[in-house]
N, C-alpha and C. Protein backbone atom coordinates (compact mmCIF):
# COMPACT_ATOMS: atom_id res chain seq x y z
N UNK A 1 21.56 22.20 34.30
CA UNK A 1 20.99 20.83 33.78
C UNK A 1 20.79 19.42 33.85
N UNK A 2 21.47 18.74 34.62
CA UNK A 2 22.34 17.70 35.08
C UNK A 2 21.53 16.76 33.80
N UNK A 3 22.51 15.84 33.27
CA UNK A 3 22.56 15.25 32.12
C UNK A 3 21.68 13.97 32.18
N UNK A 4 21.61 12.70 33.57
CA UNK A 4 20.18 12.36 34.22
C UNK A 4 19.16 12.83 33.89
N UNK A 5 19.20 14.33 34.66
CA UNK A 5 17.50 14.91 34.68
C UNK A 5 16.87 15.13 33.04
N UNK A 6 17.99 15.88 31.76
CA UNK A 6 17.63 15.83 30.54
C UNK A 6 17.25 14.84 30.08
N UNK A 7 17.86 13.75 30.27
CA UNK A 7 17.49 12.34 29.54
C UNK A 7 15.82 11.91 30.06
N UNK A 8 15.84 12.49 30.86
CA UNK A 8 14.48 11.59 31.96
C UNK A 8 13.40 13.38 31.25
N UNK A 9 13.69 14.32 31.35
CA UNK A 9 12.66 14.98 30.64
C UNK A 9 12.72 14.93 29.29
N UNK A 10 13.59 14.64 28.09
CA UNK A 10 13.47 14.74 27.02
C UNK A 10 12.32 13.04 26.98
N UNK A 11 12.68 11.99 27.73
CA UNK A 11 11.74 11.36 27.53
C UNK A 11 10.32 11.90 27.59
N UNK A 12 9.87 12.33 29.04
CA UNK A 12 8.44 12.07 29.42
C UNK A 12 7.64 13.93 29.45
N UNK A 13 8.87 14.86 29.06
CA UNK A 13 8.30 16.23 29.12
C UNK A 13 7.26 16.61 28.35
N UNK A 14 7.42 16.47 27.23
CA UNK A 14 6.75 16.90 26.06
C UNK A 14 5.14 15.74 25.78
N UNK A 15 5.18 14.57 26.69
CA UNK A 15 4.02 13.57 26.45
C UNK A 15 3.21 14.52 27.89
N UNK A 16 4.24 15.26 29.30
CA UNK A 16 3.18 15.44 30.01
C UNK A 16 2.77 17.04 29.96
N UNK A 17 3.05 17.64 28.51
CA UNK A 17 3.06 18.98 28.27
C UNK A 17 1.95 18.98 27.14
N UNK A 18 2.06 17.93 26.47
CA UNK A 18 0.95 17.60 25.58
C UNK A 18 -0.61 16.88 26.30
N UNK A 19 -0.09 15.96 27.37
CA UNK A 19 -1.62 15.76 28.24
C UNK A 19 -2.22 16.95 29.34
N UNK A 20 -1.60 18.03 29.71
CA UNK A 20 -2.05 19.22 30.43
C UNK A 20 -2.29 19.98 29.12
N UNK A 21 -2.05 19.98 28.23
CA UNK A 21 -2.62 20.81 27.35
C UNK A 21 -3.78 20.73 27.11
N UNK A 22 -4.15 19.37 26.48
CA UNK A 22 -5.10 18.94 26.38
C UNK A 22 -6.66 19.04 27.23
N UNK A 23 -5.82 19.07 28.64
CA UNK A 23 -7.05 19.49 29.45
C UNK A 23 -7.56 20.19 29.91
N UNK A 24 -6.02 21.35 29.96
CA UNK A 24 -6.28 22.97 29.97
C UNK A 24 -6.79 23.63 28.74
N UNK A 25 -7.23 22.76 27.58
CA UNK A 25 -8.10 23.22 26.56
C UNK A 25 -6.37 24.16 25.72
N UNK A 26 -5.29 24.05 25.66
CA UNK A 26 -4.14 24.74 24.95
C UNK A 26 -3.62 25.65 26.05
N UNK A 27 -4.31 25.92 26.99
CA UNK A 27 -3.75 27.19 27.75
C UNK A 27 -2.54 26.98 28.98
N UNK A 28 -2.58 25.81 29.23
CA UNK A 28 -1.34 25.01 30.64
C UNK A 28 -0.52 23.80 29.97
N UNK A 29 0.79 24.07 30.64
CA UNK A 29 2.02 23.21 29.95
C UNK A 29 2.53 22.47 31.49
N UNK A 30 3.35 21.97 31.82
CA UNK A 30 3.82 21.25 32.97
C UNK A 30 5.28 22.20 32.83
N UNK A 31 5.83 22.58 31.54
CA UNK A 31 6.88 23.58 31.57
C UNK A 31 6.66 24.92 32.25
N UNK A 32 5.68 25.51 32.17
CA UNK A 32 5.03 26.74 32.59
C UNK A 32 5.74 26.89 33.90
N UNK A 33 6.20 25.98 34.58
CA UNK A 33 6.39 25.90 36.12
C UNK A 33 7.53 26.53 36.41
N UNK A 34 9.00 26.32 35.66
CA UNK A 34 9.56 26.95 35.03
C UNK A 34 10.02 28.01 34.24
N UNK A 35 8.68 28.47 34.24
CA UNK A 35 8.42 29.75 33.37
C UNK A 35 9.26 30.15 31.74
N UNK A 36 9.00 28.43 31.39
CA UNK A 36 9.31 28.77 30.07
C UNK A 36 8.02 28.83 29.20
N UNK A 37 7.97 29.41 27.86
CA UNK A 37 6.45 29.89 27.15
C UNK A 37 6.57 28.66 26.52
N UNK A 38 5.66 27.87 25.93
CA UNK A 38 5.32 26.42 25.48
C UNK A 38 4.67 27.05 24.30
N UNK A 39 4.58 26.90 22.80
CA UNK A 39 3.68 26.61 21.73
C UNK A 39 3.39 25.22 21.75
N UNK A 40 2.34 25.25 20.88
CA UNK A 40 2.19 23.88 20.24
C UNK A 40 2.93 24.11 18.87
N UNK A 41 3.74 22.95 17.98
CA UNK A 41 4.09 23.13 17.08
C UNK A 41 3.26 21.99 16.40
N UNK A 42 2.68 22.09 14.95
CA UNK A 42 2.33 21.41 13.95
C UNK A 42 3.47 21.42 12.66
N UNK A 43 4.15 20.08 12.19
CA UNK A 43 4.67 20.22 11.50
C UNK A 43 4.46 19.05 10.48
N UNK A 44 4.60 18.90 9.34
CA UNK A 44 4.57 17.81 8.49
C UNK A 44 5.84 16.90 8.63
N UNK A 45 5.34 15.38 9.47
CA UNK A 45 6.82 14.68 9.13
C UNK A 45 7.38 14.39 7.84
N UNK A 46 9.16 14.62 7.87
CA UNK A 46 9.92 14.85 6.79
C UNK A 46 9.87 13.53 6.13
N UNK A 47 9.72 12.27 6.96
CA UNK A 47 9.84 10.93 6.28
C UNK A 47 8.24 10.59 6.06
N UNK A 48 7.37 10.71 6.72
CA UNK A 48 5.72 10.55 6.96
C UNK A 48 5.35 10.86 6.02
N UNK A 49 5.35 12.36 6.18
CA UNK A 49 4.65 13.30 5.14
C UNK A 49 3.04 13.48 5.98
N UNK A 50 3.33 12.61 7.53
CA UNK A 50 2.24 12.81 8.37
C UNK A 50 2.33 14.00 9.56
N UNK A 51 1.36 14.52 9.63
CA UNK A 51 1.02 16.10 10.75
C UNK A 51 1.41 15.35 12.12
N UNK A 52 2.32 16.03 12.68
CA UNK A 52 3.15 15.91 14.08
C UNK A 52 3.23 17.37 15.14
N UNK A 53 2.41 16.72 15.93
CA UNK A 53 2.30 17.97 16.63
C UNK A 53 3.02 17.91 17.92
N UNK A 54 3.93 19.18 18.59
CA UNK A 54 4.48 18.90 20.02
C UNK A 54 5.02 20.24 20.73
N UNK A 55 4.61 19.54 21.98
CA UNK A 55 4.71 21.36 22.63
C UNK A 55 5.97 21.69 22.46
N UNK A 56 6.58 22.94 22.67
CA UNK A 56 7.88 23.18 22.17
C UNK A 56 7.88 24.40 23.20
N UNK A 57 9.14 24.57 23.64
CA UNK A 57 9.68 25.96 24.34
C UNK A 57 10.30 26.92 23.28
N UNK A 58 9.35 27.97 23.43
CA UNK A 58 9.25 29.58 22.20
C UNK A 58 9.74 30.24 23.03
N UNK A 59 10.41 31.17 22.48
CA UNK A 59 11.11 32.57 22.69
C UNK A 59 10.21 33.61 21.17
N UNK A 60 9.35 34.68 21.98
CA UNK A 60 8.60 35.44 20.91
C UNK A 60 9.26 36.50 21.33
N UNK A 61 9.31 37.00 19.80
CA UNK A 61 10.48 38.33 19.41
C UNK A 61 9.05 39.26 18.55
N UNK A 62 8.09 40.11 18.77
CA UNK A 62 7.20 40.64 18.22
C UNK A 62 6.81 39.72 17.75
N UNK A 63 6.15 39.77 15.90
CA UNK A 63 5.52 38.12 15.74
C UNK A 63 6.11 36.85 14.92
N UNK A 64 7.64 37.10 15.28
CA UNK A 64 8.02 35.89 15.51
C UNK A 64 8.30 35.03 16.17
N UNK A 65 8.65 33.82 15.97
CA UNK A 65 8.96 33.07 17.49
C UNK A 65 10.07 32.12 17.38
N UNK A 66 10.73 32.12 18.10
CA UNK A 66 12.32 31.45 17.78
C UNK A 66 12.04 30.23 18.44
N UNK A 67 12.63 28.75 18.14
CA UNK A 67 12.75 27.62 18.76
C UNK A 67 14.69 27.12 19.03
N UNK A 68 14.87 26.57 19.99
CA UNK A 68 16.10 26.17 20.00
C UNK A 68 15.98 24.96 19.58
N UNK A 69 16.62 24.26 18.79
CA UNK A 69 17.12 22.89 18.19
C UNK A 69 17.88 22.07 19.15
N UNK A 70 17.43 22.22 20.70
CA UNK A 70 19.06 21.69 21.64
C UNK A 70 18.36 20.14 21.75
N UNK A 71 17.60 19.71 21.82
CA UNK A 71 16.73 18.52 21.93
C UNK A 71 17.95 17.88 23.37
N UNK A 72 17.71 19.10 24.16
CA UNK A 72 18.45 18.73 25.76
C UNK A 72 19.69 18.45 25.87
N UNK A 73 20.72 18.72 24.49
CA UNK A 73 21.90 18.47 24.48
C UNK A 73 22.05 17.40 23.87
N UNK A 74 21.28 16.62 23.42
CA UNK A 74 21.31 15.01 22.64
C UNK A 74 22.46 15.14 21.31
N UNK A 75 22.58 13.94 21.23
CA UNK A 75 23.48 13.59 19.68
C UNK A 75 23.21 14.12 19.25
N UNK A 76 21.87 14.21 18.27
CA UNK A 76 20.82 14.66 17.17
C UNK A 76 19.99 16.32 17.50
N UNK A 77 19.38 16.05 16.47
CA UNK A 77 18.70 17.35 16.29
C UNK A 77 17.77 16.91 16.12
N UNK A 78 16.67 17.30 16.93
CA UNK A 78 15.26 17.03 17.28
C UNK A 78 14.82 16.73 16.07
N UNK A 79 13.82 15.56 15.98
CA UNK A 79 12.60 15.32 14.46
C UNK A 79 12.28 16.37 14.19
N UNK A 80 11.16 17.63 14.95
CA UNK A 80 11.09 18.63 14.30
C UNK A 80 11.97 19.61 13.53
N UNK A 81 13.02 19.41 13.91
CA UNK A 81 13.71 20.68 13.15
C UNK A 81 13.57 19.53 11.86
N UNK A 82 13.79 19.05 11.80
CA UNK A 82 14.32 17.94 9.95
C UNK A 82 12.73 18.35 9.90
N UNK A 83 11.11 17.86 10.37
CA UNK A 83 10.38 18.26 9.64
C UNK A 83 10.32 19.73 9.13
N UNK A 84 9.94 20.81 10.37
CA UNK A 84 10.74 22.43 9.52
C UNK A 84 11.27 22.05 8.10
N UNK A 85 12.76 21.94 8.11
CA UNK A 85 13.70 21.91 6.99
C UNK A 85 12.74 21.04 5.87
N UNK A 86 12.29 19.97 6.20
CA UNK A 86 12.10 19.41 4.86
C UNK A 86 9.99 20.03 4.40
N UNK A 87 9.99 20.65 5.52
CA UNK A 87 7.97 21.89 5.18
C UNK A 87 7.90 22.70 5.79
N UNK A 88 8.72 23.61 5.02
CA UNK A 88 8.39 24.74 6.27
C UNK A 88 7.36 25.72 6.95
N UNK A 89 6.04 25.05 5.93
CA UNK A 89 4.68 25.85 6.48
C UNK A 89 4.31 24.70 7.51
N UNK A 90 3.94 25.71 9.12
CA UNK A 90 3.71 24.70 9.87
C UNK A 90 2.62 25.81 10.53
N UNK A 91 2.32 25.08 11.89
CA UNK A 91 0.85 25.55 12.72
C UNK A 91 1.26 25.71 13.83
N UNK A 92 0.96 27.04 15.05
CA UNK A 92 2.02 27.09 15.93
C UNK A 92 0.45 27.52 16.70
N UNK A 93 0.34 26.88 17.32
CA UNK A 93 -1.29 27.10 18.57
C UNK A 93 -0.37 27.74 20.06
N UNK A 94 -1.00 28.48 20.40
CA UNK A 94 -0.63 29.49 21.94
C UNK A 94 -1.91 29.62 22.61
N UNK A 95 -2.31 29.59 23.69
CA UNK A 95 -3.21 30.13 24.25
C UNK A 95 -4.70 29.63 23.35
N UNK A 96 -4.35 28.48 23.05
CA UNK A 96 -6.04 27.90 22.78
C UNK A 96 -6.09 28.01 20.44
N UNK A 97 -5.10 29.42 20.06
CA UNK A 97 -5.43 29.90 19.25
C UNK A 97 -4.42 29.17 18.21
N UNK A 98 -4.56 28.93 17.12
CA UNK A 98 -3.77 28.87 16.04
C UNK A 98 -3.55 29.75 14.62
N UNK A 99 -2.44 29.17 14.37
CA UNK A 99 -2.17 30.18 12.79
C UNK A 99 -0.53 29.29 11.97
N UNK A 100 -1.10 30.03 10.45
CA UNK A 100 0.07 29.58 10.03
C UNK A 100 1.15 30.02 10.31
N UNK A 101 2.99 29.66 10.19
CA UNK A 101 3.23 30.01 10.11
C UNK A 101 4.49 29.26 9.16
N UNK A 102 6.14 30.39 8.65
CA UNK A 102 7.15 29.63 7.78
C UNK A 102 7.89 29.64 8.71
N UNK A 103 8.79 28.46 8.42
CA UNK A 103 9.97 28.27 9.51
C UNK A 103 11.26 28.65 8.42
N UNK A 104 12.15 29.56 8.97
CA UNK A 104 13.40 29.39 8.44
C UNK A 104 14.44 29.46 9.25
N UNK A 105 15.98 28.53 8.55
CA UNK A 105 16.90 28.73 9.59
C UNK A 105 17.34 30.13 10.16
N UNK A 106 18.11 29.95 10.98
CA UNK A 106 18.88 31.61 10.98
C UNK A 106 20.36 31.14 11.71
N UNK A 107 21.59 31.62 10.74
CA UNK A 107 22.85 31.84 11.33
C UNK A 107 23.05 33.25 11.57
N UNK A 108 24.65 33.44 11.59
CA UNK A 108 24.90 34.37 12.22
C UNK A 108 24.96 34.82 13.14
N UNK A 109 24.74 36.33 12.93
CA UNK A 109 24.46 37.45 13.86
C UNK A 109 23.07 36.93 14.16
N UNK A 110 22.17 36.92 13.37
CA UNK A 110 20.71 36.59 13.69
C UNK A 110 20.31 35.28 14.77
N UNK A 111 21.65 34.29 14.51
CA UNK A 111 21.24 33.41 14.89
C UNK A 111 21.48 32.69 16.77
N UNK A 112 22.83 33.87 16.48
CA UNK A 112 23.40 34.52 18.11
C UNK A 112 22.43 35.26 18.89
N UNK A 113 21.71 36.22 18.59
CA UNK A 113 20.81 37.26 18.81
C UNK A 113 19.66 36.16 19.51
N UNK A 114 19.17 35.53 18.82
CA UNK A 114 18.53 33.93 19.17
C UNK A 114 18.71 33.22 20.71
N UNK A 115 20.27 33.01 20.53
CA UNK A 115 21.09 32.20 21.11
C UNK A 115 20.90 33.03 22.82
N UNK A 116 21.60 33.94 22.29
CA UNK A 116 21.41 34.94 23.36
C UNK A 116 20.15 35.31 24.32
N UNK A 117 18.86 35.07 23.75
CA UNK A 117 17.09 35.50 24.16
C UNK A 117 17.73 34.19 24.88
N UNK A 118 17.37 33.08 24.55
CA UNK A 118 17.28 31.87 24.93
C UNK A 118 18.38 31.68 26.05
N UNK A 119 19.40 31.66 25.97
CA UNK A 119 20.06 31.61 26.71
C UNK A 119 19.45 32.94 28.15
N UNK A 120 18.88 33.68 28.45
CA UNK A 120 18.68 34.65 29.28
C UNK A 120 17.01 33.90 29.80
N UNK A 121 16.51 33.44 29.02
CA UNK A 121 15.05 32.50 29.07
C UNK A 121 15.66 31.25 30.37
N UNK A 122 16.64 30.74 29.70
CA UNK A 122 17.07 29.71 30.72
C UNK A 122 18.10 29.07 30.20
N UNK A 123 18.96 29.02 31.54
CA UNK A 123 20.58 28.91 31.09
C UNK A 123 20.58 27.82 31.32
N UNK A 124 20.00 26.40 30.96
CA UNK A 124 20.24 25.34 30.67
C UNK A 124 20.87 24.98 29.33
N UNK A 125 20.58 26.29 28.19
CA UNK A 125 21.08 26.08 27.28
C UNK A 125 22.28 25.80 26.92
N UNK A 126 23.35 26.43 27.49
CA UNK A 126 24.70 26.81 27.44
C UNK A 126 25.12 25.06 27.94
N UNK A 127 24.43 24.37 29.58
CA UNK A 127 25.02 23.30 29.51
C UNK A 127 24.71 22.39 28.05
N UNK A 128 23.57 22.30 27.23
CA UNK A 128 22.88 21.67 26.53
C UNK A 128 24.21 22.24 24.78
N UNK A 129 24.51 23.32 24.77
CA UNK A 129 25.90 23.82 24.07
C UNK A 129 26.92 22.86 24.42
N UNK A 130 27.27 22.68 25.45
CA UNK A 130 28.48 21.81 25.58
C UNK A 130 27.89 20.31 25.25
N UNK A 131 27.53 19.76 25.74
CA UNK A 131 26.69 18.66 25.59
C UNK A 131 27.02 18.04 24.01
N UNK A 132 26.20 19.29 23.19
CA UNK A 132 26.07 18.65 21.63
C UNK A 132 27.66 19.93 21.30
N UNK A 133 28.10 20.02 21.78
CA UNK A 133 29.33 20.27 21.04
C UNK A 133 29.91 19.84 19.72
N UNK A 134 29.88 18.54 19.40
CA UNK A 134 29.88 17.83 18.08
C UNK A 134 29.23 18.37 17.22
N UNK A 135 27.41 19.53 16.95
CA UNK A 135 26.88 20.03 16.05
C UNK A 135 26.63 21.15 16.91
N UNK A 136 26.56 21.92 15.88
CA UNK A 136 26.10 23.32 16.06
C UNK A 136 24.28 23.61 16.21
N UNK A 137 24.25 23.72 17.67
CA UNK A 137 22.47 23.46 17.73
C UNK A 137 21.71 24.45 17.09
N UNK A 138 21.11 24.17 16.17
CA UNK A 138 20.14 24.95 15.19
C UNK A 138 18.82 26.18 16.16
N UNK A 139 19.07 26.99 15.15
CA UNK A 139 17.79 28.28 16.11
C UNK A 139 17.04 29.01 14.46
N UNK A 140 15.84 27.68 14.94
CA UNK A 140 14.68 28.09 13.27
C UNK A 140 13.92 29.56 14.25
N UNK A 141 13.65 30.21 13.45
CA UNK A 141 12.30 31.25 13.75
C UNK A 141 11.05 31.03 12.61
N UNK A 142 10.05 31.34 12.87
CA UNK A 142 8.82 31.58 12.44
C UNK A 142 8.15 32.50 12.20
N UNK A 143 7.96 32.87 11.21
CA UNK A 143 7.75 34.30 10.69
C UNK A 143 5.94 33.85 10.44
N UNK A 144 4.56 34.57 10.37
CA UNK A 144 3.47 34.30 9.68
C UNK A 144 3.58 34.00 8.51
N UNK A 145 2.76 33.52 8.41
CA UNK A 145 2.48 33.18 6.73
C UNK A 145 1.99 34.20 6.60
N UNK A 146 1.84 34.80 5.21
CA UNK A 146 1.33 36.10 4.59
C UNK A 146 0.23 35.24 3.61
């Protein structure tokens, strides 16, 4: 993913996905065009304490969902990452169905497993890794709340 394209997408893609999700009653996104699976993640804002909903690329591993905090290779981690670190309980909506999850950051071999899965879905993550070389891109796992 070229840097100018990433800059443009980071500013508009989540808005376009949000709009299409609303119109399609939670069933379709713009990101589907390139084959990326999308969820709607609702977190509690780390600073505000208010609910925040964001469409995100997700990787499904049975009942777990992996999220890559690449922020398009940006300088900082995305806001939703800090929200999940502060308040790990979240809601995930997929195909119009919502469920509660608990988030945790993965490290080591588990992180590498999900990073490899992410790159197999979308090669752009390797470019984001280069752009974000000053930070290790976090990988978060969402597991169903019991």
